[in-house]
Amino acid sequence: MMLAPSTGLRAGDTLRCIACTTSVVLMDVPAGAARPACCGRAMLPSRPVPCSTPRLFLVGSAGASAGAWYADAESGLVVRCTRSGRGYPVCSGRPMTQLDDRPDTGLWA
């Protein structure tokens, strides 16, 4: 599923999945980067999720991990997961790669 390049995305924006509890913060948004998707649907702008909000899935289940960094090598989009969920972030139909540590390029060098 290809998504059109998004407009208006900025580093620091919070996006959430509409089908699960996954939430991310955009960390590096290159020009022309597509809006990330999760569970097959484009992620929507959201307010940051309070830490006190209860989780709706079992700990240890498959999916995005809170605190993990994800990147799309082709577009340069980098996100950080702020709330775990059963889905994984995807960019332009490509699963985003979970990084071992924060990136050493862009704003995070």
C-alpha atoms as a PDB file:
ATOM      1  CA  MET A   1       0.000   0.000   0.000  1.00  0.00           C
ATOM      2  CA  MET A   2       1.624   3.259  -1.130  1.00  0.00           C
ATOM      3  CA  LEU A   3       0.776   6.459   0.681  1.00  0.00           C
ATOM      4  CA  ALA A   4       1.101   9.875  -0.895  1.00  0.00           C
ATOM      5  CA  PRO A   5       3.778  12.157   0.529  1.00  0.00           C
ATOM      6  CA  SER A   6       2.362  14.003   3.474  1.00  0.00           C
ATOM      7  CA  THR A   7       2.334  17.686   4.111  1.00  0.00           C
ATOM      8  CA  GLY A   8       2.510  19.384   7.433  1.00  0.00           C
ATOM      9  CA  LEU A   9       4.445  16.712   9.349  1.00  0.00           C
ATOM     10  CA  ARG A  10       7.071  18.161  11.674  1.00  0.00           C
ATOM     11  CA  ALA A  11       9.643  16.741  14.034  1.00  0.00           C
ATOM     12  CA  GLY A  12       8.052  16.574  17.482  1.00  0.00           C
ATOM     13  CA  ASP A  13       4.547  15.720  16.236  1.00  0.00           C
ATOM     14  CA  THR A  14       2.824  12.784  17.948  1.00  0.00           C
ATOM     15  CA  LEU A  15       0.953  10.264  15.796  1.00  0.00           C
ATOM     16  CA  ARG A  16      -1.208   7.343  16.905  1.00  0.00           C
ATOM     17  CA  CYS A  17      -2.529   4.203  15.295  1.00  0.00           C
ATOM     18  CA  ILE A  18      -6.298   4.082  14.912  1.00  0.00           C
ATOM     19  CA  ALA A  19      -6.420   0.280  15.227  1.00  0.00           C
ATOM     20  CA  CYS A  20      -4.116  -0.384  18.212  1.00  0.00           C
ATOM     21  CA  THR A  21      -2.365   1.482  21.025  1.00  0.00           C
ATOM     22  CA  THR A  22       0.875   2.285  19.140  1.00  0.00           C
ATOM     23  CA  SER A  23       1.913   5.928  19.410  1.00  0.00           C
ATOM     24  CA  VAL A  24       5.074   7.560  18.024  1.00  0.00           C
ATOM     25  CA  VAL A  25       6.850  10.919  18.025  1.00  0.00           C
ATOM     26  CA  LEU A  26       8.341  12.073  14.722  1.00  0.00           C
ATOM     27  CA  MET A  27      12.044  12.668  15.345  1.00  0.00           C
ATOM     28  CA  ASP A  28      13.438  13.374  11.860  1.00  0.00           C
ATOM     29  CA  VAL A  29      11.083  14.249   8.993  1.00  0.00           C
ATOM     30  CA  PRO A  30      12.835  14.789   5.644  1.00  0.00           C
ATOM     31  CA  ALA A  31      11.063  16.709   2.881  1.00  0.00           C
ATOM     32  CA  GLY A  32       8.676  14.461   0.996  1.00  0.00           C
ATOM     33  CA  ALA A  33       8.495  11.767   3.679  1.00  0.00           C
ATOM     34  CA  ALA A  34       5.201   9.874   3.695  1.00  0.00           C
ATOM     35  CA  ARG A  35       2.994   9.781   6.774  1.00  0.00           C
ATOM     36  CA  PRO A  36       3.796   6.605   8.723  1.00  0.00           C
ATOM     37  CA  ALA A  37       1.182   3.874   8.903  1.00  0.00           C
ATOM     38  CA  CYS A  38       0.407   1.157  11.447  1.00  0.00           C
ATOM     39  CA  CYS A  39      -1.987  -1.801  11.210  1.00  0.00           C
ATOM     40  CA  GLY A  40      -2.511  -0.970   7.518  1.00  0.00           C
ATOM     41  CA  ARG A  41      -3.785   2.576   8.089  1.00  0.00           C
ATOM     42  CA  ALA A  42      -2.159   6.011   8.142  1.00  0.00           C
ATOM     43  CA  MET A  43      -1.323   7.173  11.648  1.00  0.00           C
ATOM     44  CA  LEU A  44      -3.251  10.233  12.845  1.00  0.00           C
ATOM     45  CA  PRO A  45      -2.061  13.322  14.709  1.00  0.00           C
ATOM     46  CA  SER A  46      -2.634  12.999  18.431  1.00  0.00           C
ATOM     47  CA  ARG A  47      -1.865  14.559  21.744  1.00  0.00           C
ATOM     48  CA  PRO A  48       0.955  12.868  23.645  1.00  0.00           C
ATOM     49  CA  VAL A  49      -0.284   9.827  25.565  1.00  0.00           C
ATOM     50  CA  PRO A  50       0.017  10.235  29.352  1.00  0.00           C
ATOM     51  CA  CYS A  51       2.170   7.585  30.995  1.00  0.00           C
ATOM     52  CA  SER A  52      -0.688   6.840  33.382  1.00  0.00           C
ATOM     53  CA  THR A  53      -3.033   5.694  30.591  1.00  0.00           C
ATOM     54  CA  PRO A  54      -3.712   1.942  30.991  1.00  0.00           C
ATOM     55  CA  ARG A  55      -2.475  -0.384  28.258  1.00  0.00           C
ATOM     56  CA  LEU A  56      -4.984  -2.493  26.382  1.00  0.00           C
ATOM     57  CA  PHE A  57      -2.749  -5.450  25.494  1.00  0.00           C
ATOM     58  CA  LEU A  58      -0.557  -7.941  27.298  1.00  0.00           C
ATOM     59  CA  VAL A  59       3.039  -6.993  28.029  1.00  0.00           C
ATOM     60  CA  GLY A  60       5.419  -9.020  25.881  1.00  0.00           C
ATOM     61  CA  SER A  61       3.028  -9.274  22.940  1.00  0.00           C
ATOM     62  CA  ALA A  62       4.424  -8.723  19.449  1.00  0.00           C
ATOM     63  CA  GLY A  63       4.442  -5.201  18.079  1.00  0.00           C
ATOM     64  CA  ALA A  64       6.118  -1.830  18.491  1.00  0.00           C
ATOM     65  CA  SER A  65       8.074  -1.321  21.718  1.00  0.00           C
ATOM     66  CA  ALA A  66       7.818   1.873  23.750  1.00  0.00           C
ATOM     67  CA  GLY A  67      11.158   3.672  23.790  1.00  0.00           C
ATOM     68  CA  ALA A  68      12.395   2.025  20.585  1.00  0.00           C
ATOM     69  CA  TRP A  69      13.608   4.066  17.608  1.00  0.00           C
ATOM     70  CA  TYR A  70      12.393   3.112  14.118  1.00  0.00           C
ATOM     71  CA  ALA A  71      13.775   4.393  10.809  1.00  0.00           C
ATOM     72  CA  ASP A  72      13.026   4.124   7.115  1.00  0.00           C
ATOM     73  CA  ALA A  73      16.380   4.075   5.329  1.00  0.00           C
ATOM     74  CA  GLU A  74      14.938   5.045   1.945  1.00  0.00           C
ATOM     75  CA  SER A  75      13.088   8.204   3.050  1.00  0.00           C
ATOM     76  CA  GLY A  76      15.127   9.079   6.149  1.00  0.00           C
ATOM     77  CA  LEU A  77      12.027   9.226   8.382  1.00  0.00           C
ATOM     78  CA  VAL A  78      12.846   8.479  12.042  1.00  0.00           C
ATOM     79  CA  VAL A  79      10.270   7.956  14.809  1.00  0.00           C
ATOM     80  CA  ARG A  80      10.411   6.994  18.457  1.00  0.00           C
ATOM     81  CA  CYS A  81       7.684   4.789  19.875  1.00  0.00           C
ATOM     82  CA  THR A  82       6.094   6.362  22.944  1.00  0.00           C
ATOM     83  CA  ARG A  83       3.413   3.735  23.513  1.00  0.00           C
ATOM     84  CA  SER A  84       3.618   0.055  22.685  1.00  0.00           C
ATOM     85  CA  GLY A  85       1.004  -1.600  20.538  1.00  0.00           C
ATOM     86  CA  ARG A  86       0.419  -4.681  18.437  1.00  0.00           C
ATOM     87  CA  GLY A  87       1.311  -2.921  15.160  1.00  0.00           C
ATOM     88  CA  TYR A  88       4.646  -1.790  13.727  1.00  0.00           C
ATOM     89  CA  PRO A  89       5.355   1.547  12.038  1.00  0.00           C
ATOM     90  CA  VAL A  90       5.483   1.377   8.234  1.00  0.00           C
ATOM     91  CA  CYS A  91       6.606   4.064   5.753  1.00  0.00           C
ATOM     92  CA  SER A  92       5.440   3.968   2.121  1.00  0.00           C
ATOM     93  CA  GLY A  93       4.608   0.273   2.473  1.00  0.00           C
ATOM     94  CA  ARG A  94       8.037  -0.601   3.930  1.00  0.00           C
ATOM     95  CA  PRO A  95       8.290  -1.829   7.531  1.00  0.00           C
ATOM     96  CA  MET A  96      10.454   0.604   9.471  1.00  0.00           C
ATOM     97  CA  THR A  97      13.614  -0.910  10.942  1.00  0.00           C
ATOM     98  CA  GLN A  98      14.006  -0.935  14.719  1.00  0.00           C
ATOM     99  CA  LEU A  99      17.316   0.690  15.624  1.00  0.00           C
ATOM    100  CA  ASP A 100      19.598  -0.532  18.409  1.00  0.00           C
ATOM    101  CA  ASP A 101      20.112   3.018  19.657  1.00  0.00           C
ATOM    102  CA  ARG A 102      19.185   6.533  18.689  1.00  0.00           C
ATOM    103  CA  PRO A 103      20.478   7.553  15.245  1.00  0.00           C
ATOM    104  CA  ASP A 104      23.804   9.366  15.009  1.00  0.00           C
ATOM    105  CA  THR A 105      22.718  11.462  12.015  1.00  0.00           C
ATOM    106  CA  GLY A 106      20.396  14.408  11.498  1.00  0.00           C
ATOM    107  CA  LEU A 107      19.157  16.232  14.578  1.00  0.00           C
ATOM    108  CA  TRP A 108      20.488  13.471  16.846  1.00  0.00           C
ATOM    109  CA  ALA A 109      24.171  13.634  15.850  1.00  0.00           C
END
